[in-house]
C-alpha cells in the first residue's frame, strides 16, 4: 500500500522541480540614469534660499515666508536642508560640483544659455550655436542616447521621460527610435507625473540608459514664484533619493549603475527680477526685444551650472588645478561610466569630466 503512494510523491516532486521557474541571474552590464533639473541655479543648490528673494513679496508670499524660512533658511546648512540627498549622499559618496563660492566652476560651452542648446550640449557633447530657439525642431545632431539605441547591446533598453514637450524633438524620437514620454499631450504635466513615469520605467522596463528631465524649477522661476521654485527643487531631490534607493534594492541595478544629476543652464545671479530669466549677450544681440525691460547684455550667471554623480562610474571626486568644467563633457562621462569608448560615439565631443576619466 505504501509503495505506490511513495512512488507517486516522487513523480510529482520531479514534475514540480522541472516546472518551477528558475530566477534569471542579474544583468551585470553597466547602467546609467541621467537626471536634469531645468534652470536650477547653483546659488540655490549650494547656498540655499536667497534671503532677499525670500523677503520680496513679489516672489515669496507673506503668508508662506515663515514656513519657507523654517524649512530651508533658519538652519545650519541651507543648501543641505533644501536638497539633502544631493549634499549628504551624492556629495559625500560621489561628487557634487559647481559651488563657485569654493572655486568649483562649471559652465556651459554654448553661446545661448537656455534650454534646447543646453540639452543638446549635454546629450551630444558639443555646443551647437546654430540652435537659437526652443522651437519644436527635430535635432539634426545625434545624441548619445540615439547612438546607444543603435547598438545591439542597448537596442530597446534606452528610454526618456520628461516634463517638457520639446524633448521628443531634442532626442529626435522619429529618427532615433528612442521612446520619449512627456506625459499628456497639450498640457504641462508637472514633475510629479515625470517622477512616476521614471520610477515605473526603472521597475518595469529596466532600461540600461534612462533620461529623466524635470522642468518645474524653470517654469516656476519664470513665473516669479520663488517659494514654489524652492519647493520644486526639494521635491526633485527627494525623487532622486527614491531613484537611488530603488537602484540599490534591485540586483539588476545595484553596484553597476551610475547616477548623474545636472542642469541645462543657470539663471540670473542677482537678487532682483533677473533671477527669473536666462540668456546670453549673444542671444540678446540676435533678438534685442527679448528681455528688453531687463537688460540688453544678457543675464549674468546664466551660463554657470553644476552637476552631481554617484556610482561605480565615478572614479575621482577631486579636480586639480581649479579648472572650470564644461557641460560638453557630460556625454563622454556618461558613456565612460557605461564602460564604452566615447570616441566611438564622437571623437570631437568634449572629453569626460575628470571624475569619470579612465
Protein backbone atom coordinates (compact mmCIF):
# COMPACT_ATOMS: atom_id res chain seq x y z
CA UNK A 1 0.00 0.00 0.00
CA UNK A 2 2.82 2.43 0.77
CA UNK A 3 5.00 1.81 -2.26
CA UNK A 4 2.64 3.21 -4.91
CA UNK A 5 1.98 6.33 -2.82
CA UNK A 6 5.67 6.94 -2.24
CA UNK A 7 6.28 6.45 -5.94
CA UNK A 8 3.55 8.93 -6.78
CA UNK A 9 5.08 11.54 -4.50
CA UNK A 10 8.44 11.00 -6.16
CA UNK A 11 6.94 11.53 -9.61
CA UNK A 12 5.06 14.67 -8.52
CA UNK A 13 8.17 16.07 -6.87
CA UNK A 14 10.13 15.58 -10.04
CA UNK A 15 7.42 17.31 -12.08
CA UNK A 16 7.35 20.32 -9.74
CA UNK A 17 11.13 20.57 -9.76
CA UNK A 18 11.14 20.68 -13.54
CA UNK A 19 8.21 23.12 -13.74
CA UNK A 20 9.43 25.52 -11.05
CA UNK A 21 10.63 28.78 -12.62
CA UNK A 22 14.34 29.48 -12.38
CA UNK A 23 15.23 33.05 -11.43
CA UNK A 24 17.45 34.59 -14.06
CA UNK A 25 20.87 35.78 -12.96
CA UNK A 26 21.12 39.55 -12.52
CA UNK A 27 22.21 41.51 -15.57
CA UNK A 28 25.78 42.57 -14.82
CA UNK A 29 26.08 45.17 -17.60
CA UNK A 30 26.78 48.79 -16.53
CA UNK A 31 23.76 51.09 -16.42
CA UNK A 32 23.10 54.82 -16.35
CA UNK A 33 20.42 57.19 -15.06
CA UNK A 34 20.78 60.84 -16.14
CA UNK A 35 18.51 63.36 -14.42
CA UNK A 36 18.22 67.09 -15.19
CA UNK A 37 16.60 69.91 -13.20
CA UNK A 38 15.78 72.63 -15.71
CA UNK A 39 17.22 76.05 -14.88
CA UNK A 40 18.19 75.24 -11.29
CA UNK A 41 20.70 77.85 -10.09
CA UNK A 42 23.95 76.78 -8.49
CA UNK A 43 23.41 79.52 -5.91
CA UNK A 44 20.30 77.83 -4.52
CA UNK A 45 21.83 74.35 -4.72
CA UNK A 46 24.82 75.33 -2.59
CA UNK A 47 23.74 78.41 -0.62
CA UNK A 48 20.12 77.50 -0.13
CA UNK A 49 17.35 80.13 -0.31
CA UNK A 50 18.31 83.69 -1.20
CA UNK A 51 17.37 85.95 1.75
CA UNK A 52 16.49 88.90 -0.46
CA UNK A 53 14.21 86.88 -2.73
CA UNK A 54 12.61 85.34 0.35
CA UNK A 55 11.79 88.79 1.75
CA UNK A 56 10.48 90.12 -1.55
CA UNK A 57 6.70 89.65 -1.50
CA UNK A 58 6.63 89.65 -5.31
CA UNK A 59 8.43 86.30 -5.23
CA UNK A 60 7.55 84.81 -1.83
CA UNK A 61 4.01 85.46 -0.47
CA UNK A 62 3.87 86.89 3.03
CA UNK A 63 1.82 84.01 4.39
CA UNK A 64 4.44 81.48 3.28
CA UNK A 65 7.67 83.20 4.28
CA UNK A 66 7.90 81.79 7.77
CA UNK A 67 7.27 78.23 6.60
CA UNK A 68 9.95 78.52 3.92
CA UNK A 69 12.42 80.01 6.40
CA UNK A 70 11.76 77.34 8.99
CA UNK A 71 12.30 74.54 6.49
CA UNK A 72 15.29 75.75 4.48
CA UNK A 73 16.66 79.03 5.81
CA UNK A 74 16.78 79.12 9.62
CA UNK A 75 19.02 76.05 9.63
CA UNK A 76 22.78 75.47 9.94
CA UNK A 77 23.30 74.29 6.33
CA UNK A 78 20.76 75.81 3.95
CA UNK A 79 21.89 74.01 0.81
CA UNK A 80 21.78 70.65 2.52
CA UNK A 81 18.38 71.41 4.04
CA UNK A 82 16.93 72.27 0.63
CA UNK A 83 18.49 69.35 -1.24
CA UNK A 84 19.59 66.80 1.38
CA UNK A 85 20.17 63.83 -0.92
CA UNK A 86 22.33 65.85 -3.28
CA UNK A 87 24.56 67.03 -0.42
CA UNK A 88 24.51 64.25 2.14
CA UNK A 89 24.64 61.25 -0.19
CA UNK A 90 25.82 62.24 -3.66
CA UNK A 91 28.19 64.91 -2.38
CA UNK A 92 29.76 62.65 0.24
CA UNK A 93 29.76 59.29 -1.55
CA UNK A 94 30.30 60.66 -5.04
CA UNK A 95 30.84 64.17 -6.35
CA UNK A 96 28.90 67.46 -6.20
CA UNK A 97 30.45 70.19 -8.32
CA UNK A 98 29.62 73.78 -9.26
CA UNK A 99 29.98 75.70 -5.99
CA UNK A 100 31.66 78.88 -7.20
CA UNK A 101 31.98 80.10 -3.61
CA UNK A 102 34.58 77.35 -3.18
CA UNK A 103 36.21 77.62 -6.59
CA UNK A 104 34.37 74.67 -8.17
CA UNK A 105 33.48 76.19 -11.51
CA UNK A 106 31.28 74.60 -14.15
CA UNK A 107 29.68 76.27 -17.14
CA UNK A 108 28.05 75.63 -20.49
CA UNK A 109 30.13 75.82 -23.67
CA UNK A 110 27.28 77.04 -25.90
CA UNK A 111 26.68 80.75 -26.52
CA UNK A 112 22.93 80.76 -25.89
CA UNK A 113 22.37 79.88 -22.20
CA UNK A 114 18.89 78.42 -22.41
CA UNK A 115 17.24 75.02 -22.65
CA UNK A 116 17.41 73.49 -26.14
CA UNK A 117 21.09 74.44 -26.65
CA UNK A 118 21.85 73.20 -23.14
CA UNK A 119 20.20 69.81 -23.55
CA UNK A 120 21.80 69.40 -26.96
CA UNK A 121 25.21 70.04 -25.40
CA UNK A 122 24.56 67.60 -22.54
CA UNK A 123 23.42 64.87 -24.91
CA UNK A 124 25.80 65.30 -27.85
CA UNK A 125 28.96 66.53 -26.15
CA UNK A 126 29.14 69.56 -28.40
CA UNK A 127 27.74 73.08 -28.31
CA UNK A 128 25.75 73.94 -31.41
CA UNK A 129 25.30 77.69 -31.72
CA UNK A 130 23.03 77.26 -34.73
CA UNK A 131 20.32 76.24 -32.22
CA UNK A 132 18.90 79.65 -31.35
CA UNK A 133 15.41 78.86 -30.04
CA UNK A 134 13.36 76.40 -28.03
CA UNK A 135 11.13 75.77 -31.02
CA UNK A 136 9.98 72.23 -31.76
CA UNK A 137 12.53 71.49 -34.44
CA UNK A 138 13.90 67.97 -34.77
CA UNK A 139 17.51 67.92 -33.67
CA UNK A 140 19.88 67.35 -36.58
CA UNK A 141 22.56 66.23 -34.11
CA UNK A 142 22.82 62.66 -32.83
CA UNK A 143 22.54 62.30 -29.05
CA UNK A 144 24.45 59.58 -27.24
CA UNK A 145 21.07 58.04 -26.40
CA UNK A 146 20.40 57.62 -30.12
CA UNK A 147 23.88 56.16 -30.58
CA UNK A 148 23.23 53.68 -27.77
CA UNK A 149 19.84 52.74 -29.23
CA UNK A 150 21.56 51.74 -32.48
CA UNK A 151 23.89 49.32 -30.68
CA UNK A 152 22.71 45.69 -30.41
CA UNK A 153 23.53 45.59 -26.69
CA UNK A 154 21.38 48.68 -25.97
CA UNK A 155 18.60 48.45 -28.56
CA UNK A 156 15.26 48.57 -26.78
CA UNK A 157 16.99 49.36 -23.49
CA UNK A 158 17.10 53.16 -23.78
CA UNK A 159 14.29 55.41 -22.53
CA UNK A 160 13.45 59.06 -21.95
CA UNK A 161 10.80 60.59 -19.72
CA UNK A 162 10.40 64.31 -19.14
CA UNK A 163 8.15 67.19 -18.24
CA UNK A 164 8.95 69.33 -21.30
CA UNK A 165 7.18 68.60 -24.58
CA UNK A 166 10.24 69.63 -26.61
CA UNK A 167 12.19 66.53 -25.51
CA UNK A 168 10.83 64.38 -28.39
CA UNK A 169 12.42 66.89 -30.78
CA UNK A 170 15.71 67.20 -28.88
CA UNK A 171 16.12 63.41 -28.84
CA UNK A 172 14.63 63.25 -32.36
CA UNK A 173 12.44 60.31 -31.46
CA UNK A 174 11.30 59.78 -35.06
CA UNK A 175 14.80 59.24 -36.37
CA UNK A 176 16.44 57.76 -33.28
CA UNK A 177 13.78 55.27 -32.25
CA UNK A 178 14.33 56.28 -28.63
CA UNK A 179 10.96 56.22 -26.81
CA UNK A 180 10.25 59.63 -25.26
CA UNK A 181 7.36 60.01 -22.81
CA UNK A 182 6.45 63.59 -21.88
CA UNK A 183 3.08 62.89 -20.29
CA UNK A 184 -0.15 64.37 -21.58
CA UNK A 185 -0.09 65.99 -24.99
CA UNK A 186 -1.03 69.66 -24.99
CA UNK A 187 -0.71 70.07 -21.22
CA UNK A 188 2.25 70.79 -18.98
CA UNK A 189 2.28 67.60 -16.88
CA UNK A 190 4.41 68.78 -13.87
CA UNK A 191 7.29 66.85 -12.40
CA UNK A 192 5.02 64.68 -10.25
CA UNK A 193 3.96 62.71 -13.31
CA UNK A 194 7.51 62.63 -14.64
CA UNK A 195 8.69 61.17 -11.33
CA UNK A 196 6.08 58.42 -11.50
CA UNK A 197 7.00 57.62 -15.10
CA UNK A 198 10.68 57.47 -14.22
CA UNK A 199 10.19 55.08 -11.32
CA UNK A 200 7.83 52.93 -13.39
CA UNK A 201 10.41 52.71 -16.18
CA UNK A 202 13.07 51.51 -13.75
CA UNK A 203 10.80 48.93 -12.14
CA UNK A 204 9.10 47.56 -15.23
CA UNK A 205 11.28 48.19 -18.28
CA UNK A 206 14.70 48.09 -16.59
CA UNK A 207 16.48 50.19 -19.25
CA UNK A 208 20.26 50.29 -19.39
CA UNK A 209 20.16 54.04 -20.04
CA UNK A 210 17.38 56.26 -18.70
CA UNK A 211 16.99 60.05 -19.01
CA UNK A 212 14.61 61.87 -16.66
CA UNK A 213 14.06 65.56 -17.33
CA UNK A 214 12.38 67.72 -14.69
CA UNK A 215 11.01 71.14 -15.61
CA UNK A 216 9.13 72.65 -12.65
CA UNK A 217 12.11 74.63 -11.36
CA UNK A 218 12.40 76.60 -14.60
CA UNK A 219 8.66 77.05 -15.09
CA UNK A 220 8.18 78.39 -11.55
CA UNK A 221 11.23 80.63 -11.76
CA UNK A 222 9.91 82.23 -14.95
CA UNK A 223 6.60 82.73 -13.14
CA UNK A 224 8.46 84.53 -10.35
CA UNK A 225 7.27 82.09 -7.66
CA UNK A 226 10.45 81.72 -5.63
CA UNK A 227 8.90 79.74 -2.79
CA UNK A 228 7.42 77.23 -5.25
CA UNK A 229 10.67 77.06 -7.20
CA UNK A 230 12.42 76.04 -3.96
CA UNK A 231 9.69 73.51 -3.19
CA UNK A 232 10.09 72.00 -6.67
CA UNK A 233 13.84 71.63 -6.09
CA UNK A 234 13.20 69.95 -2.75
CA UNK A 235 10.70 67.52 -4.33
CA UNK A 236 13.12 66.73 -7.14
CA UNK A 237 15.84 65.98 -4.61
CA UNK A 238 13.53 63.57 -2.81
CA UNK A 239 12.69 61.85 -6.07
CA UNK A 240 16.38 61.46 -6.86
CA UNK A 241 16.68 59.77 -3.46
CA UNK A 242 13.88 57.38 -4.40
CA UNK A 243 15.61 56.57 -7.69
CA UNK A 244 18.88 55.77 -5.92
CA UNK A 245 17.17 53.65 -3.27
CA UNK A 246 15.35 51.71 -5.99
CA UNK A 247 18.67 51.20 -7.78
CA UNK A 248 20.22 49.85 -4.58
CA UNK A 249 17.31 47.46 -3.97
CA UNK A 250 17.33 45.91 -7.45
CA UNK A 251 20.01 43.27 -8.16
CA UNK A 252 19.98 44.23 -11.85
CA UNK A 253 20.99 47.80 -10.96
CA UNK A 254 22.81 47.61 -7.62
CA UNK A 255 26.56 48.06 -7.88
CA UNK A 256 26.57 48.68 -11.63
CA UNK A 257 24.52 51.88 -12.07
CA UNK A 258 25.90 55.41 -12.25
CA UNK A 259 23.54 58.29 -11.46
CA UNK A 260 24.30 61.74 -12.91
CA UNK A 261 22.29 64.85 -11.99
CA UNK A 262 22.77 68.24 -13.66
CA UNK A 263 21.04 71.26 -15.21
CA UNK A 264 20.74 72.67 -18.71
CA UNK A 265 21.56 76.28 -17.80
CA UNK A 266 21.80 78.73 -14.93
CA UNK A 267 19.87 81.93 -14.45
CA UNK A 268 20.32 85.44 -13.11
CA UNK A 269 22.78 85.57 -10.24
CA UNK A 270 21.47 88.79 -8.76
CA UNK A 271 18.74 89.08 -6.14
CA UNK A 272 16.40 91.08 -8.35
CA UNK A 273 13.94 90.40 -11.17
CA UNK A 274 16.69 88.96 -13.39
CA UNK A 275 16.74 85.70 -11.36
CA UNK A 276 13.59 84.77 -13.26
CA UNK A 277 15.33 84.75 -16.62
CA UNK A 278 18.32 83.40 -18.51
CA UNK A 279 20.01 84.16 -21.83
CA UNK A 280 23.37 85.26 -23.16
CA UNK A 281 24.51 88.53 -24.65
CA UNK A 282 24.93 86.70 -27.97
CA UNK A 283 21.29 85.65 -27.91
CA UNK A 284 20.04 89.12 -27.00
CA UNK A 285 22.03 90.64 -29.83
CA UNK A 286 20.14 88.32 -32.16
CA UNK A 287 16.77 89.03 -30.52
CA UNK A 288 17.05 92.52 -28.99
CA UNK A 289 13.38 92.75 -28.00
CA UNK A 290 13.59 89.73 -25.71
CA UNK A 291 14.08 90.82 -22.09
CA UNK A 292 14.45 94.43 -23.22
CA UNK A 293 12.90 95.53 -19.91
CA UNK A 294 15.71 93.77 -18.01
CA UNK A 295 18.90 94.02 -20.00
CA UNK A 296 20.49 94.21 -23.42
CA UNK A 297 23.71 92.50 -22.40
CA UNK A 298 22.47 89.08 -21.27
CA UNK A 299 21.50 87.67 -17.90
CA UNK A 300 24.74 87.38 -15.98
CA UNK A 301 25.25 83.92 -14.50
CA UNK A 302 23.04 82.05 -16.96
CA UNK A 303 25.97 80.02 -18.20
CA UNK A 304 27.01 78.78 -14.75
CA UNK A 305 25.85 75.26 -13.93
CA UNK A 306 26.54 72.29 -11.60
CA UNK A 307 26.47 68.52 -11.57
CA UNK A 308 26.43 65.60 -9.16
CA UNK A 309 27.27 61.95 -9.69
CA UNK A 310 27.42 58.72 -7.72
CA UNK A 311 28.07 55.10 -8.56
CA UNK A 312 30.81 52.89 -9.99
CA UNK A 313 31.43 55.22 -12.92
CA UNK A 314 32.76 57.95 -10.61
CA UNK A 315 36.49 57.28 -10.21
CA UNK A 316 37.85 60.52 -8.74
CA UNK A 317 35.93 63.08 -6.66
CA UNK A 318 38.67 65.74 -6.89
CA UNK A 319 39.86 68.05 -9.64
CA UNK A 320 43.34 69.54 -9.55
CA UNK A 321 44.23 72.99 -10.79
CA UNK A 322 40.97 74.86 -10.31
CA UNK A 323 39.85 74.19 -13.86
CA UNK A 324 36.33 75.12 -14.97
CA UNK A 325 34.44 72.01 -16.06
CA UNK A 326 32.25 72.13 -19.16
CA UNK A 327 28.75 70.84 -19.84
CA UNK A 328 30.07 69.34 -23.07
CA UNK A 329 31.92 66.71 -21.03
CA UNK A 330 28.77 65.07 -19.67
CA UNK A 331 28.04 62.88 -22.72
CA UNK A 332 31.53 61.35 -22.74
CA UNK A 333 31.33 60.96 -18.95
CA UNK A 334 28.08 59.02 -19.24
CA UNK A 335 29.49 56.73 -21.93
CA UNK A 336 32.65 56.17 -19.90
CA UNK A 337 30.51 55.23 -16.90
CA UNK A 338 28.82 52.66 -19.17
CA UNK A 339 32.19 51.14 -19.95
CA UNK A 340 32.21 52.42 -23.54
CA UNK A 341 34.77 54.36 -25.54
CA UNK A 342 33.21 57.77 -26.01
CA UNK A 343 35.41 58.39 -29.07
CA UNK A 344 33.43 55.77 -30.94
CA UNK A 345 30.40 57.99 -30.42
CA UNK A 346 32.12 61.23 -31.42
CA UNK A 347 35.86 61.80 -31.13
CA UNK A 348 35.22 65.55 -31.38
CA UNK A 349 32.87 65.59 -28.38
CA UNK A 350 34.02 67.05 -25.10
CA UNK A 351 36.30 64.74 -23.14
CA UNK A 352 34.96 63.08 -19.96
CA UNK A 353 34.93 65.17 -16.81
CA UNK A 354 37.93 64.40 -14.58
CA UNK A 355 35.71 62.49 -12.13
CA UNK A 356 34.99 59.92 -14.86
CA UNK A 357 38.15 59.78 -16.94
CA UNK A 358 39.95 56.43 -17.19
